[in-house]
Amino acid sequence: MIRTFKDGVADYPQGGRQKGWGEPFKNLYTTGESVGLAITATIEQQLEWLQREQPAYLLAFSGVVKGIAELCIDKNIELPFLKDISTLGETVDDSLRQLTEQAWNLKLIDMYSAQEVGYMALQCPDGDGYHVQSEGVFLEVLKDNNEPCAAGESGRIVVTPLHNFAMPLIRYEIGDYAEVGELCSCGRGLPSLKRILGRSRNLLRLPDGSKIWPRLSELRHQGIIQIKQFQMIQKSVERIELKIVTDQEVTQEQEIQLQALINTRIAQPFAIEFSYHEKIPRSESDKYEDFICELSDDE
């Protein structure tokens, strides 16, 4: 596991170690030992730790997996001991799935959960969609008028956990958005989500008042410049700051090309302000977001 741990519990270089896999596995299966590393370690340290520990199964935030996969591809490093990669806590897109297959020839398995309600949806073993865990939660995807979304429509997630007896949550606004999927062909029969889209703060606001999901991780910017990290901050309905971490000297012509690529992708002529950083930190919850809207609801 590469995720959040209490200070000093799983710090690099040793990380942490326990006999089993923790809850809920210990109540269901006999497992081998597990090792953990705090997410505060650098990508280079995370990769070195993985090579040293050689786990068969990796559980991490999607941003961690992306960074390690890109480093492995760049350095031509293989991790033949890995059998399975599972992600949680951050959104997953097609480009990340393609990246893990390119780096390790492994299919990524994503899980959708929240601390308040536990697991809400798990990726289908036979596809990329998510099965809502209806035995444990009643999950709704609603439009702005509170009508339920149909397959192919996106809306906000409202969830009622069915197992929280100490503090019931009824139609709890989790703050996330998702796209409803068709009934899965695998035959399991559970409600389906096609994609987990992210939080409302990850929505791009357009001048006409509409909102879109920018999906900026699919920009295909590597043909212009090799970017180690980037993050976009929407400052107004006309202006975006693009934070970049790169080892290259970026020319004005490359900035012009990046701006054109971004505006083509989102179909809107935003003014792009470039800023360069040594590192883009994670949020207080240790999650990484490639796009954040700072506009208030009345702007």
C-alpha atoms as a PDB file:
ATOM      1  CA  MET A   1       0.000   0.000   0.000  1.00  0.00           C
ATOM      2  CA  ILE A   2       1.173   3.513  -0.834  1.00  0.00           C
ATOM      3  CA  ARG A   3      -1.264   5.836   0.867  1.00  0.00           C
ATOM      4  CA  THR A   4      -1.798   8.093   3.879  1.00  0.00           C
ATOM      5  CA  PHE A   5      -0.382   6.838   7.176  1.00  0.00           C
ATOM      6  CA  LYS A   6       0.108   8.479  10.556  1.00  0.00           C
ATOM      7  CA  ASP A   7       3.423  10.281  10.906  1.00  0.00           C
ATOM      8  CA  GLY A   8       6.253   7.854  11.571  1.00  0.00           C
ATOM      9  CA  VAL A   9       4.216   4.705  10.866  1.00  0.00           C
ATOM     10  CA  ALA A  10       5.351   3.945   7.300  1.00  0.00           C
ATOM     11  CA  ASP A  11       7.968   6.534   6.408  1.00  0.00           C
ATOM     12  CA  TYR A  12      10.607   5.937   3.743  1.00  0.00           C
ATOM     13  CA  PRO A  13      12.950   4.058   3.530  1.00  0.00           C
ATOM     14  CA  GLN A  14      11.640   1.167   5.656  1.00  0.00           C
ATOM     15  CA  GLY A  15       7.901   1.746   5.426  1.00  0.00           C
ATOM     16  CA  GLY A  16       5.568  -0.247   7.665  1.00  0.00           C
ATOM     17  CA  ARG A  17       4.852  -3.955   7.931  1.00  0.00           C
ATOM     18  CA  GLN A  18       2.059  -6.091   9.390  1.00  0.00           C
ATOM     19  CA  LYS A  19       1.237  -9.795   9.412  1.00  0.00           C
ATOM     20  CA  GLY A  20      -2.036  -9.582   7.485  1.00  0.00           C
ATOM     21  CA  TRP A  21      -3.891  -7.275   5.114  1.00  0.00           C
ATOM     22  CA  GLY A  22      -6.004  -5.652   7.844  1.00  0.00           C
ATOM     23  CA  GLU A  23      -9.745  -5.082   7.726  1.00  0.00           C
ATOM     24  CA  PRO A  24     -11.841  -6.619   6.260  1.00  0.00           C
ATOM     25  CA  PHE A  25      -9.536  -9.306   4.876  1.00  0.00           C
ATOM     26  CA  LYS A  26      -8.526 -10.810   8.195  1.00  0.00           C
ATOM     27  CA  ASN A  27     -12.162 -11.741   8.882  1.00  0.00           C
ATOM     28  CA  LEU A  28     -12.564 -13.424   5.485  1.00  0.00           C
ATOM     29  CA  TYR A  29      -9.269 -14.861   4.302  1.00  0.00           C
ATOM     30  CA  THR A  30      -5.886 -16.071   5.425  1.00  0.00           C
ATOM     31  CA  THR A  31      -3.426 -13.691   3.779  1.00  0.00           C
ATOM     32  CA  GLY A  32       0.287 -13.101   3.676  1.00  0.00           C
ATOM     33  CA  GLU A  33       1.909 -10.074   5.241  1.00  0.00           C
ATOM     34  CA  SER A  34       1.443  -6.553   3.947  1.00  0.00           C
ATOM     35  CA  VAL A  35       3.791  -3.588   3.652  1.00  0.00           C
ATOM     36  CA  GLY A  36       2.966   0.084   3.464  1.00  0.00           C
ATOM     37  CA  LEU A  37       4.706   3.305   2.477  1.00  0.00           C
ATOM     38  CA  ALA A  38       3.605   6.837   3.323  1.00  0.00           C
ATOM     39  CA  ILE A  39       2.511   8.879   0.327  1.00  0.00           C
ATOM     40  CA  THR A  40       4.911  11.620   1.410  1.00  0.00           C
ATOM     41  CA  ALA A  41       7.765   9.675  -0.242  1.00  0.00           C
ATOM     42  CA  THR A  42       8.867  10.915  -3.666  1.00  0.00           C
ATOM     43  CA  ILE A  43       7.993   8.951  -6.806  1.00  0.00           C
ATOM     44  CA  GLU A  44      11.624   7.842  -7.073  1.00  0.00           C
ATOM     45  CA  GLN A  45      11.558   6.620  -3.462  1.00  0.00           C
ATOM     46  CA  GLN A  46       8.245   4.832  -4.032  1.00  0.00           C
ATOM     47  CA  LEU A  47       9.678   2.969  -7.017  1.00  0.00           C
ATOM     48  CA  GLU A  48      12.860   2.021  -5.154  1.00  0.00           C
ATOM     49  CA  TRP A  49      10.763   0.772  -2.220  1.00  0.00           C
ATOM     50  CA  LEU A  50       8.587  -1.339  -4.538  1.00  0.00           C
ATOM     51  CA  GLN A  51      11.653  -2.890  -6.159  1.00  0.00           C
ATOM     52  CA  ARG A  52      12.997  -3.733  -2.703  1.00  0.00           C
ATOM     53  CA  GLU A  53       9.756  -5.137  -1.232  1.00  0.00           C
ATOM     54  CA  GLN A  54       8.496  -6.818  -4.444  1.00  0.00           C
ATOM     55  CA  PRO A  55       4.789  -7.035  -3.522  1.00  0.00           C
ATOM     56  CA  ALA A  56       2.397  -9.085  -5.647  1.00  0.00           C
ATOM     57  CA  TYR A  57      -0.478  -6.622  -5.154  1.00  0.00           C
ATOM     58  CA  LEU A  58      -0.335  -2.830  -5.073  1.00  0.00           C
ATOM     59  CA  LEU A  59      -3.018  -0.537  -3.630  1.00  0.00           C
ATOM     60  CA  ALA A  60      -2.483   3.213  -4.099  1.00  0.00           C
ATOM     61  CA  PHE A  61      -4.001   6.511  -5.181  1.00  0.00           C
ATOM     62  CA  SER A  62      -4.271   6.770  -8.961  1.00  0.00           C
ATOM     63  CA  GLY A  63      -1.852   9.713  -9.003  1.00  0.00           C
ATOM     64  CA  VAL A  64       0.795   7.545  -7.332  1.00  0.00           C
ATOM     65  CA  VAL A  65       0.304   4.755  -9.871  1.00  0.00           C
ATOM     66  CA  LYS A  66       0.534   7.265 -12.719  1.00  0.00           C
ATOM     67  CA  GLY A  67       3.815   8.699 -11.441  1.00  0.00           C
ATOM     68  CA  ILE A  68       5.425   5.287 -10.912  1.00  0.00           C
ATOM     69  CA  ALA A  69       4.244   3.987 -14.289  1.00  0.00           C
ATOM     70  CA  GLU A  70       5.625   7.026 -16.117  1.00  0.00           C
ATOM     71  CA  LEU A  71       8.950   6.682 -14.297  1.00  0.00           C
ATOM     72  CA  CYS A  72       9.166   2.982 -15.173  1.00  0.00           C
ATOM     73  CA  ILE A  73       8.506   3.722 -18.841  1.00  0.00           C
ATOM     74  CA  ASP A  74      11.031   6.570 -18.837  1.00  0.00           C
ATOM     75  CA  LYS A  75      13.744   4.470 -17.159  1.00  0.00           C
ATOM     76  CA  ASN A  76      12.779   1.204 -18.922  1.00  0.00           C
ATOM     77  CA  ILE A  77      12.177  -0.487 -15.552  1.00  0.00           C
ATOM     78  CA  GLU A  78       9.970  -3.570 -15.247  1.00  0.00           C
ATOM     79  CA  LEU A  79       8.166  -4.773 -12.122  1.00  0.00           C
ATOM     80  CA  PRO A  80       7.580  -8.464 -12.958  1.00  0.00           C
ATOM     81  CA  PHE A  81       6.517  -9.313  -9.398  1.00  0.00           C
ATOM     82  CA  LEU A  82       3.297  -7.263  -9.680  1.00  0.00           C
ATOM     83  CA  LYS A  83       0.143  -9.286 -10.357  1.00  0.00           C
ATOM     84  CA  ASP A  84      -2.551  -6.700  -9.642  1.00  0.00           C
ATOM     85  CA  ILE A  85      -2.906  -2.928  -9.256  1.00  0.00           C
ATOM     86  CA  SER A  86      -5.868  -1.424  -7.401  1.00  0.00           C
ATOM     87  CA  THR A  87      -6.612   2.279  -6.991  1.00  0.00           C
ATOM     88  CA  LEU A  88      -8.833   4.350  -4.751  1.00  0.00           C
ATOM     89  CA  GLY A  89      -9.320   7.922  -3.579  1.00  0.00           C
ATOM     90  CA  GLU A  90      -8.825   9.711  -6.925  1.00  0.00           C
ATOM     91  CA  THR A  91     -10.496   9.640 -10.320  1.00  0.00           C
ATOM     92  CA  VAL A  92      -9.286   7.221 -13.005  1.00  0.00           C
ATOM     93  CA  ASP A  93      -9.444   7.852 -16.756  1.00  0.00           C
ATOM     94  CA  ASP A  94      -8.676   5.852 -19.891  1.00  0.00           C
ATOM     95  CA  SER A  95      -5.193   7.332 -20.222  1.00  0.00           C
ATOM     96  CA  LEU A  96      -4.158   5.913 -16.835  1.00  0.00           C
ATOM     97  CA  ARG A  97      -5.523   2.477 -17.730  1.00  0.00           C
ATOM     98  CA  GLN A  98      -3.518   2.555 -20.957  1.00  0.00           C
ATOM     99  CA  LEU A  99      -0.438   3.679 -19.020  1.00  0.00           C
ATOM    100  CA  THR A 100      -0.493   0.718 -16.604  1.00  0.00           C
ATOM    101  CA  GLU A 101      -0.873  -1.716 -19.482  1.00  0.00           C
ATOM    102  CA  GLN A 102       2.038  -0.085 -21.305  1.00  0.00           C
ATOM    103  CA  ALA A 103       4.276  -0.054 -18.221  1.00  0.00           C
ATOM    104  CA  TRP A 104       3.499  -3.473 -16.712  1.00  0.00           C
ATOM    105  CA  ASN A 105       0.951  -5.197 -18.982  1.00  0.00           C
ATOM    106  CA  LEU A 106      -1.525  -5.072 -16.095  1.00  0.00           C
ATOM    107  CA  LYS A 107      -5.149  -4.006 -16.007  1.00  0.00           C
ATOM    108  CA  LEU A 108      -5.925  -1.383 -13.364  1.00  0.00           C
ATOM    109  CA  ILE A 109      -8.810  -2.142 -10.971  1.00  0.00           C
ATOM    110  CA  ASP A 110     -10.463   0.907  -9.392  1.00  0.00           C
ATOM    111  CA  MET A 111     -12.623   1.187  -6.261  1.00  0.00           C
ATOM    112  CA  TYR A 112     -14.981   4.013  -5.296  1.00  0.00           C
ATOM    113  CA  SER A 113     -15.319   4.658  -1.578  1.00  0.00           C
ATOM    114  CA  ALA A 114     -15.593   7.398   1.035  1.00  0.00           C
ATOM    115  CA  GLN A 115     -14.710   7.511   4.708  1.00  0.00           C
ATOM    116  CA  GLU A 116     -18.279   8.441   5.645  1.00  0.00           C
ATOM    117  CA  VAL A 117     -19.977   5.491   3.918  1.00  0.00           C
ATOM    118  CA  GLY A 118     -17.345   2.914   2.968  1.00  0.00           C
ATOM    119  CA  TYR A 119     -17.305   1.178  -0.420  1.00  0.00           C
ATOM    120  CA  MET A 120     -19.918   2.459  -2.866  1.00  0.00           C
ATOM    121  CA  ALA A 121     -18.896   0.923  -6.215  1.00  0.00           C
ATOM    122  CA  LEU A 122     -16.287  -1.544  -7.454  1.00  0.00           C
ATOM    123  CA  GLN A 123     -14.976  -1.962 -10.979  1.00  0.00           C
ATOM    124  CA  CYS A 124     -16.425  -4.917 -12.833  1.00  0.00           C
ATOM    125  CA  PRO A 125     -13.885  -7.771 -13.200  1.00  0.00           C
ATOM    126  CA  ASP A 126     -14.995  -8.121 -16.817  1.00  0.00           C
ATOM    127  CA  GLY A 127     -14.943  -4.442 -17.826  1.00  0.00           C
ATOM    128  CA  ASP A 128     -14.083  -0.858 -16.899  1.00  0.00           C
ATOM    129  CA  GLY A 129     -17.506   0.146 -15.507  1.00  0.00           C
ATOM    130  CA  TYR A 130     -18.411   0.136 -11.813  1.00  0.00           C
ATOM    131  CA  HIS A 131     -20.996  -1.966  -9.983  1.00  0.00           C
ATOM    132  CA  VAL A 132     -22.829  -0.099  -7.223  1.00  0.00           C
ATOM    133  CA  GLN A 133     -22.615  -2.127  -3.998  1.00  0.00           C
ATOM    134  CA  SER A 134     -26.373  -2.112  -3.469  1.00  0.00           C
ATOM    135  CA  GLU A 135     -26.216  -4.637  -0.622  1.00  0.00           C
ATOM    136  CA  GLY A 136     -24.495  -1.954   1.458  1.00  0.00           C
ATOM    137  CA  VAL A 137     -25.539   1.420   0.019  1.00  0.00           C
ATOM    138  CA  PHE A 138     -28.460   2.989  -1.806  1.00  0.00           C
ATOM    139  CA  LEU A 139     -26.752   5.227  -4.373  1.00  0.00           C
ATOM    140  CA  GLU A 140     -28.538   7.756  -6.588  1.00  0.00           C
ATOM    141  CA  VAL A 141     -27.165   9.906  -9.428  1.00  0.00           C
ATOM    142  CA  LEU A 142     -29.333  13.023  -9.713  1.00  0.00           C
ATOM    143  CA  LYS A 143     -29.711  15.920 -12.136  1.00  0.00           C
ATOM    144  CA  ASP A 144     -29.887  19.540 -10.956  1.00  0.00           C
ATOM    145  CA  ASN A 145     -33.702  19.197 -10.714  1.00  0.00           C
ATOM    146  CA  ASN A 146     -33.272  16.101  -8.496  1.00  0.00           C
ATOM    147  CA  GLU A 147     -34.571  13.753 -11.182  1.00  0.00           C
ATOM    148  CA  PRO A 148     -32.571  10.508 -11.537  1.00  0.00           C
ATOM    149  CA  CYS A 149     -30.055  10.357 -14.363  1.00  0.00           C
ATOM    150  CA  ALA A 150     -30.495   7.791 -17.129  1.00  0.00           C
ATOM    151  CA  ALA A 151     -27.688   5.781 -18.720  1.00  0.00           C
ATOM    152  CA  GLY A 152     -25.212   8.142 -20.377  1.00  0.00           C
ATOM    153  CA  GLU A 153     -26.229  11.123 -18.208  1.00  0.00           C
ATOM    154  CA  SER A 154     -24.078  12.686 -15.478  1.00  0.00           C
ATOM    155  CA  GLY A 155     -25.155  14.075 -12.143  1.00  0.00           C
ATOM    156  CA  ARG A 156     -24.304  14.421  -8.493  1.00  0.00           C
ATOM    157  CA  ILE A 157     -24.086  11.395  -6.227  1.00  0.00           C
ATOM    158  CA  VAL A 158     -26.464  11.065  -3.262  1.00  0.00           C
ATOM    159  CA  VAL A 159     -25.944   8.025  -1.051  1.00  0.00           C
ATOM    160  CA  THR A 160     -27.689   6.316   1.851  1.00  0.00           C
ATOM    161  CA  PRO A 161     -25.499   3.743   3.653  1.00  0.00           C
ATOM    162  CA  LEU A 162     -27.496   0.752   4.910  1.00  0.00           C
ATOM    163  CA  HIS A 163     -25.096  -0.359   7.649  1.00  0.00           C
ATOM    164  CA  ASN A 164     -24.404   2.815   9.643  1.00  0.00           C
ATOM    165  CA  PHE A 165     -26.565   2.229  12.706  1.00  0.00           C
ATOM    166  CA  ALA A 166     -24.785   4.627  15.078  1.00  0.00           C
ATOM    167  CA  MET A 167     -25.156   7.720  12.871  1.00  0.00           C
ATOM    168  CA  PRO A 168     -27.597   7.204   9.977  1.00  0.00           C
ATOM    169  CA  LEU A 169     -26.977   9.225   6.808  1.00  0.00           C
ATOM    170  CA  ILE A 170     -30.061   9.670   4.633  1.00  0.00           C
ATOM    171  CA  ARG A 171     -29.520  10.796   1.015  1.00  0.00           C
ATOM    172  CA  TYR A 172     -26.134  12.174   1.886  1.00  0.00           C
ATOM    173  CA  GLU A 173     -24.584  14.609  -0.641  1.00  0.00           C
ATOM    174  CA  ILE A 174     -21.149  13.064  -0.991  1.00  0.00           C
ATOM    175  CA  GLY A 175     -19.949  15.920  -3.219  1.00  0.00           C
ATOM    176  CA  ASP A 176     -18.999  13.735  -6.198  1.00  0.00           C
ATOM    177  CA  TYR A 177     -20.357  13.455  -9.728  1.00  0.00           C
ATOM    178  CA  ALA A 178     -20.678  10.334 -11.877  1.00  0.00           C
ATOM    179  CA  GLU A 179     -21.981   9.135 -15.232  1.00  0.00           C
ATOM    180  CA  VAL A 180     -24.606   6.388 -15.157  1.00  0.00           C
ATOM    181  CA  GLY A 181     -23.810   3.284 -17.184  1.00  0.00           C
ATOM    182  CA  GLU A 182     -25.875   0.735 -19.050  1.00  0.00           C
ATOM    183  CA  LEU A 183     -26.735  -2.551 -17.380  1.00  0.00           C
ATOM    184  CA  CYS A 184     -23.478  -4.502 -17.438  1.00  0.00           C
ATOM    185  CA  SER A 185     -23.228  -7.458 -19.808  1.00  0.00           C
ATOM    186  CA  CYS A 186     -21.461  -9.539 -17.116  1.00  0.00           C
ATOM    187  CA  GLY A 187     -24.863 -10.559 -15.718  1.00  0.00           C
ATOM    188  CA  ARG A 188     -24.330  -9.478 -12.111  1.00  0.00           C
ATOM    189  CA  GLY A 189     -27.414  -7.265 -12.290  1.00  0.00           C
ATOM    190  CA  LEU A 190     -26.182  -4.461 -10.016  1.00  0.00           C
ATOM    191  CA  PRO A 191     -26.685  -0.793 -10.965  1.00  0.00           C
ATOM    192  CA  SER A 192     -23.794   0.493 -13.056  1.00  0.00           C
ATOM    193  CA  LEU A 193     -21.675   3.650 -13.165  1.00  0.00           C
ATOM    194  CA  LYS A 194     -19.665   4.286 -16.321  1.00  0.00           C
ATOM    195  CA  ARG A 195     -17.292   6.859 -14.825  1.00  0.00           C
ATOM    196  CA  ILE A 196     -16.584   8.573 -11.507  1.00  0.00           C
ATOM    197  CA  LEU A 197     -16.086  12.189 -12.554  1.00  0.00           C
ATOM    198  CA  GLY A 198     -14.881  13.913  -9.396  1.00  0.00           C
ATOM    199  CA  ARG A 199     -15.925  16.777  -7.151  1.00  0.00           C
ATOM    200  CA  SER A 200     -17.886  19.901  -8.056  1.00  0.00           C
ATOM    201  CA  ARG A 201     -14.671  21.914  -7.636  1.00  0.00           C
ATOM    202  CA  ASN A 202     -13.231  19.913 -10.541  1.00  0.00           C
ATOM    203  CA  LEU A 203     -15.866  21.316 -12.951  1.00  0.00           C
ATOM    204  CA  LEU A 204     -14.747  23.949 -15.446  1.00  0.00           C
ATOM    205  CA  ARG A 205     -17.024  27.008 -15.514  1.00  0.00           C
ATOM    206  CA  LEU A 206     -17.724  28.539 -18.943  1.00  0.00           C
ATOM    207  CA  PRO A 207     -18.719  32.179 -19.621  1.00  0.00           C
ATOM    208  CA  ASP A 208     -22.308  31.189 -20.481  1.00  0.00           C
ATOM    209  CA  GLY A 209     -22.721  29.625 -17.007  1.00  0.00           C
ATOM    210  CA  SER A 210     -22.465  26.018 -18.149  1.00  0.00           C
ATOM    211  CA  LYS A 211     -20.020  23.536 -16.622  1.00  0.00           C
ATOM    212  CA  ILE A 212     -17.942  20.756 -18.183  1.00  0.00           C
ATOM    213  CA  TRP A 213     -15.468  18.103 -17.086  1.00  0.00           C
ATOM    214  CA  PRO A 214     -12.180  19.151 -18.694  1.00  0.00           C
ATOM    215  CA  ARG A 215     -10.507  15.690 -18.438  1.00  0.00           C
ATOM    216  CA  LEU A 216      -7.142  17.367 -18.818  1.00  0.00           C
ATOM    217  CA  SER A 217      -5.080  14.237 -18.219  1.00  0.00           C
ATOM    218  CA  GLU A 218      -5.951  13.279 -21.794  1.00  0.00           C
ATOM    219  CA  LEU A 219      -4.375  16.378 -23.346  1.00  0.00           C
ATOM    220  CA  ARG A 220      -1.567  14.443 -25.103  1.00  0.00           C
ATOM    221  CA  HIS A 221       0.842  17.265 -24.247  1.00  0.00           C
ATOM    222  CA  GLN A 222       3.979  15.094 -24.282  1.00  0.00           C
ATOM    223  CA  GLY A 223       4.531  15.840 -27.971  1.00  0.00           C
ATOM    224  CA  ILE A 224       5.158  19.463 -27.003  1.00  0.00           C
ATOM    225  CA  ILE A 225       6.966  19.204 -23.673  1.00  0.00           C
ATOM    226  CA  GLN A 226       7.812  16.486 -21.144  1.00  0.00           C
ATOM    227  CA  ILE A 227       5.772  17.467 -18.087  1.00  0.00           C
ATOM    228  CA  LYS A 228       6.364  15.703 -14.748  1.00  0.00           C
ATOM    229  CA  GLN A 229       3.358  17.328 -13.021  1.00  0.00           C
ATOM    230  CA  PHE A 230       0.741  19.865 -13.955  1.00  0.00           C
ATOM    231  CA  GLN A 231      -2.294  21.455 -12.374  1.00  0.00           C
ATOM    232  CA  MET A 232      -4.813  23.937 -13.716  1.00  0.00           C
ATOM    233  CA  ILE A 233      -6.497  26.502 -11.481  1.00  0.00           C
ATOM    234  CA  GLN A 234      -9.498  28.367 -12.880  1.00  0.00           C
ATOM    235  CA  LYS A 235      -9.215  31.951 -11.639  1.00  0.00           C
ATOM    236  CA  SER A 236     -12.153  33.424 -13.581  1.00  0.00           C
ATOM    237  CA  VAL A 237     -14.486  32.486 -16.435  1.00  0.00           C
ATOM    238  CA  GLU A 238     -11.825  33.770 -18.814  1.00  0.00           C
ATOM    239  CA  ARG A 239      -8.524  32.978 -17.083  1.00  0.00           C
ATOM    240  CA  ILE A 240      -6.706  29.775 -16.058  1.00  0.00           C
ATOM    241  CA  GLU A 241      -3.366  29.351 -14.334  1.00  0.00           C
ATOM    242  CA  LEU A 242      -1.344  26.364 -15.555  1.00  0.00           C
ATOM    243  CA  LYS A 243       1.193  25.115 -13.003  1.00  0.00           C
ATOM    244  CA  ILE A 244       3.967  23.013 -14.529  1.00  0.00           C
ATOM    245  CA  VAL A 245       6.758  20.859 -13.116  1.00  0.00           C
ATOM    246  CA  THR A 246       9.361  20.007 -15.783  1.00  0.00           C
ATOM    247  CA  ASP A 247      13.093  19.567 -16.188  1.00  0.00           C
ATOM    248  CA  GLN A 248      13.021  21.357 -19.548  1.00  0.00           C
ATOM    249  CA  GLU A 249      13.418  25.007 -20.433  1.00  0.00           C
ATOM    250  CA  VAL A 250      10.037  25.935 -21.902  1.00  0.00           C
ATOM    251  CA  THR A 251      10.069  28.328 -24.842  1.00  0.00           C
ATOM    252  CA  GLN A 252       7.435  30.910 -25.676  1.00  0.00           C
ATOM    253  CA  GLU A 253       6.548  28.896 -28.764  1.00  0.00           C
ATOM    254  CA  GLN A 254       5.907  25.796 -26.621  1.00  0.00           C
ATOM    255  CA  GLU A 255       3.675  27.838 -24.315  1.00  0.00           C
ATOM    256  CA  ILE A 256       1.694  29.012 -27.346  1.00  0.00           C
ATOM    257  CA  GLN A 257       1.320  25.407 -28.524  1.00  0.00           C
ATOM    258  CA  LEU A 258       0.188  24.258 -25.066  1.00  0.00           C
ATOM    259  CA  GLN A 259      -2.360  27.053 -24.853  1.00  0.00           C
ATOM    260  CA  ALA A 260      -3.748  26.139 -28.273  1.00  0.00           C
ATOM    261  CA  LEU A 261      -3.931  22.467 -27.267  1.00  0.00           C
ATOM    262  CA  ILE A 262      -5.787  23.261 -24.034  1.00  0.00           C
ATOM    263  CA  ASN A 263      -8.257  25.634 -25.662  1.00  0.00           C
ATOM    264  CA  THR A 264      -8.934  23.115 -28.429  1.00  0.00           C
ATOM    265  CA  ARG A 265      -9.544  20.384 -25.843  1.00  0.00           C
ATOM    266  CA  ILE A 266     -12.037  22.445 -23.839  1.00  0.00           C
ATOM    267  CA  ALA A 267     -13.428  24.327 -26.874  1.00  0.00           C
ATOM    268  CA  GLN A 268     -13.095  27.710 -25.176  1.00  0.00           C
ATOM    269  CA  PRO A 269     -10.469  30.489 -25.706  1.00  0.00           C
ATOM    270  CA  PHE A 270      -9.183  30.874 -22.138  1.00  0.00           C
ATOM    271  CA  ALA A 271      -6.232  33.096 -21.301  1.00  0.00           C
ATOM    272  CA  ILE A 272      -3.585  30.721 -19.927  1.00  0.00           C
ATOM    273  CA  GLU A 273      -1.072  32.007 -17.369  1.00  0.00           C
ATOM    274  CA  PHE A 274       1.973  29.728 -17.003  1.00  0.00           C
ATOM    275  CA  SER A 275       3.826  29.234 -13.717  1.00  0.00           C
ATOM    276  CA  TYR A 276       6.698  26.843 -13.040  1.00  0.00           C
ATOM    277  CA  HIS A 277       7.296  24.885  -9.843  1.00  0.00           C
ATOM    278  CA  GLU A 278       9.644  22.292  -8.371  1.00  0.00           C
ATOM    279  CA  LYS A 279       6.696  20.288  -7.040  1.00  0.00           C
ATOM    280  CA  ILE A 280       2.907  20.550  -6.897  1.00  0.00           C
ATOM    281  CA  PRO A 281       1.796  19.442  -3.418  1.00  0.00           C
ATOM    282  CA  ARG A 282      -1.194  17.254  -2.705  1.00  0.00           C
ATOM    283  CA  SER A 283      -4.279  18.535  -0.898  1.00  0.00           C
ATOM    284  CA  GLU A 284      -4.772  18.268   2.863  1.00  0.00           C
ATOM    285  CA  SER A 285      -6.461  14.891   2.256  1.00  0.00           C
ATOM    286  CA  ASP A 286      -3.352  13.725   0.330  1.00  0.00           C
ATOM    287  CA  LYS A 287      -5.203  13.679  -2.993  1.00  0.00           C
ATOM    288  CA  TYR A 288      -3.945  15.146  -6.248  1.00  0.00           C
ATOM    289  CA  GLU A 289      -6.250  17.084  -8.571  1.00  0.00           C
ATOM    290  CA  ASP A 290      -5.192  18.160 -12.060  1.00  0.00           C
ATOM    291  CA  PHE A 291      -7.961  20.781 -12.230  1.00  0.00           C
ATOM    292  CA  ILE A 292      -9.482  22.999  -9.532  1.00  0.00           C
ATOM    293  CA  CYS A 293     -12.071  25.747  -9.991  1.00  0.00           C
ATOM    294  CA  GLU A 294     -11.675  28.605  -7.489  1.00  0.00           C
ATOM    295  CA  LEU A 295     -14.833  30.436  -8.574  1.00  0.00           C
ATOM    296  CA  SER A 296     -17.651  30.870  -6.068  1.00  0.00           C
ATOM    297  CA  ASP A 297     -21.201  29.878  -6.982  1.00  0.00           C
ATOM    298  CA  ASP A 298     -22.244  33.472  -7.685  1.00  0.00           C
ATOM    299  CA  GLU A 299     -19.343  34.257 -10.044  1.00  0.00           C
END
